[in-house]
Protein backbone atom coordinates (compact mmCIF):
# COMPACT_ATOMS: atom_id res chain seq x y z
CA MET A 1 -16.96 -31.19 -17.33
CA TYR A 2 -17.08 -27.67 -17.58
CA GLU A 3 -20.67 -25.73 -18.98
CA ILE A 4 -19.64 -22.85 -22.36
CA VAL A 5 -21.84 -19.59 -21.89
CA PRO A 6 -22.02 -17.64 -24.64
CA ARG A 7 -21.20 -14.67 -24.42
CA ASN A 8 -21.61 -10.95 -26.11
CA VAL A 9 -18.44 -8.82 -25.02
CA CYS A 10 -15.59 -8.68 -22.93
CA GLU A 11 -15.84 -7.27 -19.65
CA CYS A 12 -13.99 -4.67 -20.64
CA GLY A 13 -17.38 -3.55 -23.33
CA ARG A 14 -14.90 -4.35 -26.48
CA PRO A 15 -14.78 -6.98 -28.87
CA LEU A 16 -13.97 -10.49 -28.81
CA PHE A 17 -12.13 -12.31 -31.27
CA ALA A 18 -11.61 -15.70 -32.12
CA ARG A 19 -8.16 -17.28 -31.96
CA TYR A 20 -6.36 -20.67 -33.22
CA ASP A 21 -3.56 -22.44 -33.20
CA LEU A 22 -2.13 -22.11 -36.48
CA SER A 23 0.59 -24.54 -36.72
CA GLY A 24 -0.84 -27.58 -37.58
CA VAL A 25 -2.62 -25.57 -41.16
CA SER A 26 -1.44 -25.78 -44.42
CA ARG A 27 -2.89 -24.88 -47.91
CA GLU A 28 -3.57 -28.57 -48.49
CA SER A 29 -6.05 -28.27 -45.40
CA LEU A 30 -8.38 -26.11 -47.41
CA LEU A 31 -11.70 -27.60 -48.33
CA PRO A 32 -11.90 -29.03 -51.32
CA ARG A 33 -15.19 -26.13 -51.43
CA ARG A 34 -15.78 -23.19 -53.70
CA ASP A 35 -17.73 -21.72 -50.50
CA LEU A 36 -16.32 -19.66 -48.03
CA TRP A 37 -16.22 -23.31 -45.87
CA ARG A 38 -13.35 -23.89 -48.15
CA TYR A 39 -11.17 -22.23 -45.53
CA LEU A 40 -13.09 -24.49 -42.39
CA PRO A 41 -9.88 -25.14 -40.80
CA LEU A 42 -9.67 -21.12 -39.83
CA LEU A 43 -13.01 -21.06 -38.77
CA PRO A 44 -14.37 -21.58 -35.47
CA VAL A 45 -16.86 -24.46 -36.38
CA SER A 46 -15.96 -27.32 -35.18
CA SER A 47 -16.88 -29.64 -38.39
CA GLU A 48 -18.13 -29.95 -41.78
CA ASP A 49 -21.47 -31.18 -40.38
CA ARG A 50 -21.96 -28.05 -38.30
CA VAL A 51 -21.96 -25.50 -41.10
CA VAL A 52 -25.59 -24.05 -42.26
CA SER A 53 -24.75 -22.83 -45.32
CA LEU A 54 -27.17 -21.55 -48.43
CA GLY A 55 -23.60 -21.37 -51.09
CA GLU A 56 -21.86 -17.72 -49.32
CA GLY A 57 -18.82 -16.68 -50.59
CA GLY A 58 -16.52 -17.92 -54.00
CA THR A 59 -17.42 -13.93 -55.17
CA PRO A 60 -15.89 -13.21 -58.15
CA LEU A 61 -12.65 -10.34 -58.24
CA LEU A 62 -13.60 -8.71 -61.45
CA ARG A 63 -10.69 -6.89 -63.50
CA CYS A 64 -11.81 -3.61 -64.45
CA THR A 65 -10.03 -2.51 -67.38
CA ALA A 66 -11.80 1.07 -68.66
CA ILE A 67 -11.94 2.13 -65.38
CA GLU A 68 -8.49 1.42 -64.73
CA ARG A 69 -8.04 3.41 -68.49
CA ALA A 70 -10.59 6.09 -67.37
CA TYR A 71 -8.98 6.87 -63.67
CA GLY A 72 -4.96 5.93 -65.06
CA VAL A 73 -4.75 3.16 -62.18
CA ASP A 74 -2.62 -0.23 -64.08
CA ARG A 75 -4.52 -2.84 -61.93
CA VAL A 76 -8.25 -2.03 -60.52
CA PHE A 77 -10.36 -5.22 -59.28
CA VAL A 78 -13.45 -5.04 -57.81
CA LYS A 79 -14.74 -8.38 -55.44
CA ASP A 80 -18.31 -7.95 -56.30
CA GLU A 81 -20.43 -9.21 -53.40
CA ALA A 82 -23.29 -8.88 -54.72
CA ALA A 83 -23.23 -12.76 -55.60
CA ASN A 84 -24.17 -14.07 -51.97
CA PRO A 85 -26.98 -14.96 -50.66
CA THR A 86 -29.69 -12.16 -49.80
CA GLY A 87 -27.35 -9.95 -51.95
CA THR A 88 -24.72 -8.89 -49.67
CA PHE A 89 -21.47 -9.49 -47.83
CA LYS A 90 -23.88 -9.59 -44.73
CA ALA A 91 -24.14 -13.33 -45.37
CA ARG A 92 -20.51 -13.93 -45.03
CA GLY A 93 -20.82 -13.05 -41.47
CA MET A 94 -24.28 -14.41 -40.59
CA ALA A 95 -23.11 -18.08 -42.28
CA VAL A 96 -20.96 -18.47 -40.08
CA ALA A 97 -22.70 -16.83 -36.45
CA VAL A 98 -25.07 -18.81 -37.18
CA SER A 99 -23.51 -22.17 -37.69
CA LYS A 100 -21.76 -21.16 -33.98
CA ALA A 101 -24.70 -20.42 -32.07
CA ARG A 102 -26.52 -23.59 -33.67
CA GLU A 103 -23.54 -25.69 -32.53
CA LEU A 104 -23.66 -23.78 -28.98
CA GLY A 105 -27.06 -24.96 -28.48
CA LEU A 106 -28.32 -21.41 -29.53
CA THR A 107 -31.91 -21.26 -30.34
CA ARG A 108 -33.13 -17.89 -29.95
CA LEU A 109 -31.09 -14.56 -32.03
CA ALA A 110 -31.93 -11.02 -32.49
CA ALA A 111 -30.02 -8.17 -34.33
CA PRO A 112 -30.69 -4.55 -35.05
CA SER A 113 -30.04 -3.80 -38.84
CA ALA A 114 -29.96 -0.64 -41.42
CA GLY A 115 -31.42 -3.49 -43.38
CA ASN A 116 -28.99 -5.97 -44.96
CA ALA A 117 -27.78 -8.03 -41.92
CA GLY A 118 -31.33 -8.58 -40.75
CA SER A 119 -32.24 -10.22 -44.17
CA ALA A 120 -29.14 -12.11 -44.03
CA LEU A 121 -30.07 -13.22 -40.18
CA ALA A 122 -33.46 -14.34 -41.42
CA ALA A 123 -32.03 -15.92 -43.80
CA TYR A 124 -29.72 -17.86 -42.17
CA ALA A 125 -31.93 -18.76 -39.37
CA ALA A 126 -34.71 -19.91 -41.28
CA LYS A 127 -31.84 -22.38 -42.54
CA ALA A 128 -30.80 -23.77 -39.15
CA GLY A 129 -34.09 -23.94 -37.65
CA ILE A 130 -33.49 -21.17 -35.25
CA GLU A 131 -35.78 -18.39 -34.36
CA ALA A 132 -34.81 -14.25 -35.47
CA LEU A 133 -35.44 -10.86 -34.48
CA VAL A 134 -34.71 -7.81 -36.10
CA VAL A 135 -35.30 -4.17 -35.15
CA ALA A 136 -34.44 -1.84 -37.99
CA PRO A 137 -35.52 1.76 -38.73
CA LYS A 138 -38.61 2.60 -39.89
CA ASP A 139 -37.18 4.00 -43.26
CA THR A 140 -35.10 0.62 -44.29
CA PRO A 141 -35.32 0.46 -47.56
CA LEU A 142 -38.98 -1.36 -48.02
CA ALA A 143 -37.30 -4.61 -50.23
CA ILE A 144 -34.63 -5.53 -47.86
CA LEU A 145 -38.21 -5.46 -44.76
CA GLN A 146 -40.10 -7.42 -47.40
CA GLU A 147 -37.00 -9.67 -47.47
CA THR A 148 -36.34 -10.14 -43.66
CA VAL A 149 -40.16 -11.33 -43.82
CA LEU A 150 -40.45 -13.78 -46.25
CA TYR A 151 -37.82 -15.24 -44.22
CA GLY A 152 -40.03 -15.42 -41.02
CA ALA A 153 -37.59 -13.20 -38.80
CA ARG A 154 -39.94 -10.87 -36.21
CA LEU A 155 -39.58 -8.18 -37.57
CA PHE A 156 -39.82 -4.51 -35.48
CA LEU A 157 -39.33 -1.03 -36.63
CA VAL A 158 -37.95 2.31 -34.59
CA ASP A 159 -38.49 6.17 -35.49
CA GLY A 160 -33.92 6.48 -35.33
CA THR A 161 -31.29 5.33 -36.74
CA ILE A 162 -29.75 1.41 -35.92
CA SER A 163 -28.24 3.14 -32.85
CA GLN A 164 -32.13 2.65 -31.41
CA ALA A 165 -32.64 -0.40 -32.48
CA GLY A 166 -29.28 -1.57 -30.40
CA ASP A 167 -30.38 -0.31 -27.64
CA ILE A 168 -33.37 -2.15 -27.73
CA VAL A 169 -32.43 -5.38 -29.32
CA LYS A 170 -29.46 -5.21 -26.16
CA ALA A 171 -32.71 -4.33 -23.70
CA ALA A 172 -34.86 -7.01 -24.98
CA CYS A 173 -32.08 -9.73 -24.99
CA SER A 174 -31.20 -9.39 -21.71
CA LYS A 175 -35.20 -9.67 -20.21
CA SER A 176 -35.18 -12.87 -22.50
CA ASP A 177 -33.24 -15.58 -24.04
CA PHE A 178 -32.90 -14.28 -27.39
CA PHE A 179 -28.88 -13.84 -28.18
CA ASN A 180 -27.28 -10.81 -29.87
CA VAL A 181 -25.62 -11.00 -32.98
CA ALA A 182 -25.34 -7.33 -33.89
CA THR A 183 -21.89 -6.11 -35.44
CA LEU A 184 -18.97 -7.13 -33.02
CA TYR A 185 -21.15 -8.00 -29.98
CA GLU A 186 -19.95 -11.61 -30.64
CA PRO A 187 -16.78 -12.99 -32.27
CA TYR A 188 -18.62 -14.83 -35.31
CA ARG A 189 -19.89 -12.71 -37.24
CA VAL A 190 -15.94 -10.49 -38.26
CA GLU A 191 -14.99 -14.85 -39.20
CA GLY A 192 -17.71 -14.77 -41.93
CA LYS A 193 -16.32 -11.59 -43.65
CA LYS A 194 -12.53 -12.49 -42.97
CA THR A 195 -13.10 -14.90 -45.74
CA MET A 196 -12.84 -12.67 -48.14
CA GLY A 197 -8.86 -11.69 -47.36
CA PHE A 198 -8.37 -15.35 -47.94
CA GLU A 199 -10.55 -15.55 -51.13
CA LEU A 200 -8.91 -12.33 -52.11
CA PHE A 201 -5.39 -13.64 -51.96
CA GLU A 202 -5.92 -17.03 -53.62
CA GLN A 203 -7.72 -15.25 -56.82
CA LEU A 204 -5.23 -12.12 -56.86
CA GLY A 205 -2.29 -15.12 -56.01
CA ALA A 206 -1.08 -11.97 -53.77
CA LEU A 207 -2.60 -9.29 -51.93
CA PRO A 208 -3.20 -5.72 -53.62
CA ASP A 209 -1.40 -2.73 -52.76
CA TRP A 210 -4.72 -1.00 -51.90
CA VAL A 211 -8.21 -2.14 -50.61
CA VAL A 212 -11.24 0.09 -50.74
CA LEU A 213 -14.14 -0.98 -48.11
CA PRO A 214 -17.44 1.10 -47.12
CA THR A 215 -17.67 1.23 -43.48
CA GLY A 216 -20.33 1.28 -41.18
CA GLY A 217 -20.35 -0.68 -38.46
CA GLY A 218 -16.57 -1.95 -39.45
CA THR A 219 -16.43 -5.52 -39.27
CA GLY A 220 -15.10 -5.75 -43.32
CA VAL A 221 -12.26 -3.77 -42.14
CA VAL A 222 -11.97 -5.42 -39.30
CA GLY A 223 -11.96 -9.03 -40.45
CA LEU A 224 -9.48 -8.41 -43.60
CA TRP A 225 -7.34 -6.46 -41.33
CA LYS A 226 -7.27 -9.84 -39.14
CA ALA A 227 -7.16 -12.17 -42.72
CA PHE A 228 -3.91 -10.53 -43.59
CA SER A 229 -2.04 -11.35 -40.13
CA GLU A 230 -3.58 -14.24 -40.35
CA LEU A 231 -1.95 -15.33 -43.53
CA ARG A 232 1.29 -13.81 -42.37
CA ASP A 233 0.76 -15.99 -39.17
CA LEU A 234 0.53 -18.67 -41.22
CA GLY A 235 3.66 -18.26 -43.43
CA TRP A 236 1.45 -18.08 -46.63
CA TYR A 237 2.33 -14.62 -47.32
CA ASP A 238 5.62 -12.28 -46.29
CA GLY A 239 4.55 -9.43 -48.69
CA PRO A 240 4.43 -5.83 -48.19
CA MET A 241 0.35 -5.07 -46.06
CA PRO A 242 -1.69 -3.56 -48.34
CA ARG A 243 -2.80 -0.25 -47.03
CA ILE A 244 -6.64 0.14 -46.27
CA ALA A 245 -8.98 3.20 -46.76
CA PHE A 246 -12.38 3.01 -45.46
CA VAL A 247 -15.31 4.97 -46.75
CA GLN A 248 -17.89 6.68 -45.13
CA ALA A 249 -20.56 9.27 -46.40
CA ALA A 250 -19.93 12.70 -45.67
CA GLY A 251 -23.46 13.04 -44.10
CA CYS A 252 -22.46 10.03 -41.64
CA ALA A 253 -18.85 9.47 -41.18
CA PRO A 254 -17.84 9.91 -37.58
CA ILE A 255 -14.64 7.20 -37.70
CA VAL A 256 -13.12 9.43 -40.91
CA LYS A 257 -13.55 12.18 -38.53
CA ALA A 258 -12.09 10.89 -35.78
CA PHE A 259 -8.90 9.84 -37.72
CA GLU A 260 -8.43 12.80 -39.82
CA ASP A 261 -8.34 13.89 -35.60
CA GLY A 262 -5.96 12.05 -34.38
CA LYS A 263 -8.24 10.15 -32.50
CA ASP A 264 -8.45 6.79 -31.18
CA GLY A 265 -11.86 6.74 -30.90
CA SER A 266 -15.22 8.36 -32.57
CA THR A 267 -18.08 10.60 -31.65
CA PRO A 268 -21.42 9.54 -31.78
CA TRP A 269 -22.44 11.47 -35.48
CA LYS A 270 -25.44 13.65 -35.02
CA ASN A 271 -28.57 13.66 -37.28
CA PRO A 272 -26.62 11.58 -39.78
CA THR A 273 -28.39 11.32 -43.11
CA THR A 274 -27.00 8.96 -46.11
CA ILE A 275 -28.81 6.92 -48.93
CA ALA A 276 -26.78 4.27 -48.07
CA PRO A 277 -28.01 2.72 -45.61
CA GLY A 278 -24.98 0.85 -44.09
CA LEU A 279 -22.71 3.29 -43.63
CA ARG A 280 -25.69 5.13 -41.63
CA VAL A 281 -23.98 4.63 -38.38
CA PRO A 282 -23.20 7.19 -35.51
CA LYS A 283 -20.82 4.82 -33.54
CA ALA A 284 -20.01 1.62 -34.11
CA LEU A 285 -18.94 -0.63 -31.47
CA GLY A 286 -15.14 -1.58 -33.30
CA ASP A 287 -14.49 2.10 -34.40
CA PHE A 288 -10.88 1.89 -32.71
CA LEU A 289 -10.33 -1.87 -34.86
CA VAL A 290 -11.13 0.22 -38.14
CA LEU A 291 -8.69 2.99 -36.83
CA ARG A 292 -6.12 0.88 -35.48
CA ALA A 293 -6.00 -0.99 -38.67
CA ALA A 294 -6.15 2.04 -41.54
CA ARG A 295 -3.70 3.34 -38.96
CA GLU A 296 -1.10 -0.06 -38.66
CA SER A 297 -1.61 -0.40 -42.79
CA ASN A 298 -0.42 2.85 -43.60
CA GLY A 299 -4.34 4.04 -44.56
CA THR A 300 -6.50 6.54 -45.06
CA GLY A 301 -10.23 7.22 -44.19
CA ILE A 302 -12.59 9.00 -46.90
CA ALA A 303 -16.12 10.61 -46.43
CA ILE A 304 -17.87 10.93 -50.13
CA GLU A 305 -21.09 12.90 -50.71
CA ASP A 306 -24.24 11.20 -51.84
CA GLU A 307 -24.31 12.34 -55.60
CA ALA A 308 -20.93 11.26 -55.75
CA MET A 309 -22.25 7.80 -54.82
CA ARG A 310 -24.84 7.79 -57.26
CA THR A 311 -22.25 9.36 -60.07
CA ALA A 312 -20.53 6.01 -59.41
CA VAL A 313 -22.82 3.47 -58.89
CA SER A 314 -23.60 4.29 -62.52
CA GLU A 315 -20.10 4.40 -63.78
CA PHE A 316 -19.66 1.14 -62.55
CA ALA A 317 -22.93 -0.16 -64.57
CA ARG A 318 -21.91 2.33 -67.58
CA LEU A 319 -18.49 0.97 -67.84
CA GLU A 320 -17.85 -2.17 -66.54
CA GLY A 321 -21.38 -3.55 -66.17
CA ILE A 322 -21.23 -4.21 -62.12
CA GLY A 323 -23.84 -3.93 -60.51
CA ALA A 324 -23.10 -1.90 -57.21
CA CYS A 325 -25.20 -0.90 -54.25
CA TYR A 326 -24.62 3.03 -53.04
CA GLU A 327 -21.93 1.82 -50.44
CA GLY A 328 -20.10 -0.05 -53.12
CA GLY A 329 -20.40 3.22 -55.55
CA ALA A 330 -18.63 4.83 -52.62
CA THR A 331 -15.13 3.09 -53.03
CA LEU A 332 -15.40 3.94 -56.77
CA ALA A 333 -15.52 7.61 -55.74
CA ALA A 334 -13.34 7.31 -52.87
CA LEU A 335 -10.63 6.28 -55.79
CA ARG A 336 -11.08 8.62 -57.35
CA LYS A 337 -10.44 10.68 -54.86
CA LEU A 338 -7.70 9.02 -53.46
CA VAL A 339 -5.90 9.12 -57.56
CA GLU A 340 -6.43 13.07 -57.76
CA ALA A 341 -4.50 13.01 -54.13
CA GLY A 342 -1.74 11.11 -55.43
CA THR A 343 -2.06 8.41 -53.15
CA VAL A 344 -2.35 6.09 -55.44
CA GLU A 345 -0.48 5.79 -58.08
CA ARG A 346 -0.48 4.43 -61.30
CA ASP A 347 1.33 1.55 -60.83
CA ASP A 348 -0.95 0.20 -57.90
CA THR A 349 -3.38 -2.40 -57.33
CA VAL A 350 -6.15 -2.06 -55.78
CA VAL A 351 -9.28 -4.05 -55.49
CA LEU A 352 -12.67 -1.76 -54.61
CA PHE A 353 -15.70 -3.73 -52.90
CA ASN A 354 -18.65 -3.74 -54.07
CA THR A 355 -20.97 -4.99 -51.11
CA GLY A 356 -24.55 -5.48 -51.95
CA THR A 357 -26.65 -5.43 -54.56
CA PRO A 358 -28.35 -2.18 -56.68
CA LEU A 359 -31.64 -4.26 -56.38
CA LYS A 360 -32.45 -2.83 -53.14
CA ASN A 361 -30.79 0.65 -53.64
CA PRO A 362 -33.05 3.61 -52.06
CA PHE A 363 -33.96 6.25 -53.97
CA PRO A 364 -32.48 4.59 -57.43
CA PRO A 365 -31.29 6.40 -60.34
CA LYS A 366 -34.53 8.19 -62.68
CA PRO A 367 -35.20 5.64 -65.47
CA GLN A 368 -34.81 6.75 -69.00
CA LYS A 369 -37.70 8.18 -70.31
CA LEU A 370 -39.05 4.87 -72.26
CA SER A 371 -40.39 5.21 -76.09
CA THR A 372 -44.27 2.78 -77.58
CA VAL A 373 -42.81 1.55 -80.65
CA ASP A 374 -44.66 -0.60 -83.78
CA SER A 375 -42.39 -1.31 -85.81
CA ALA A 376 -38.27 -1.37 -86.39
CA ASP A 377 -38.18 1.54 -88.08
CA GLU A 378 -39.54 3.47 -85.73
CA VAL A 379 -36.31 2.00 -83.77
CA ILE A 380 -33.77 2.57 -86.46
CA ALA A 381 -35.39 6.33 -87.10
CA LYS A 382 -35.33 6.88 -82.75
CA LEU A 383 -31.97 5.64 -82.77
CA ALA A 384 -30.99 7.78 -85.38
CA VAL A 385 -29.13 5.16 -87.04
CA PRO A 386 -28.28 4.23 -90.61
CA LYS A 387 -30.52 1.69 -91.96
CA ALA A 388 -28.29 -1.07 -93.40
């Protein structure tokens, strides 16, 4: 007998990954479920009865014909992660991380968060009967903080960025029996994120030419690249790998700068500012993995101004009826740049990832000026349309 001791990272300080014997896994091995646990044979949780689920995954892949016409690209899709529990793709990672933590006997979990990871941890910890600790920047959107507290997590605020929150969580875990589930500081959140790649493959019946993802901590990019590699190792896909475009905010773009400078890792970004909380990550533990995925895929990194994110969120809504977070809006703004540069060509298939709901966006767009009316005639007059 041996004792399983959960650990966060390798002795070298870099992330650990779950690996699998794929030899006995076939398409028929997948479970008859609509959520991400359909891929249980490719996930680290040992059995279906160990799963902690709120219905995460199985999000829609939406064809965007109006954007195709406006941008001059034949096939554009949005993988809409706003449909997840707690409204963001963070639910995927936390579902798997919390399920595995409970299976390993952990009873207290902690995470630093720019917002949505913390509320997702709080929700899944509540479902699992596990205590949750979240430390977040004090300027995190109020709706997210309220959600975190609603699910019963102990929440503390810091006057700084997620980097300062991360330092506090790391120190608190070293002095207590809380286990740190920060981004890429344990092996299992990325396993939940990789299911986006499996779903995308099944929904399209292939893989696209491009995937465009907002990138703060980087688990989305790392998870997708892991999924694409596993699909090839399984023998389910033998076509060209998608090119990865990772997107950051112009006011906090450490990994984009490292990509442009030809470096293998990023330098902490000073004075990070952006309206997209999920992109305000001055230094990511897995930055080198994001860079590796982008380069191995012949992809790129793009920095987007805040105003372009705002415009893109409105464009998603006006053209396609898709409600996007600012991080998701950044992917549409990035697509415009990629098309204008000739990097994305007309006959490419492109998948944009909207990672969350617009309902938590800080600094929402100004609403239209509303009018009070007493009759239908007033409505018609204000619309300036002819009567029937």
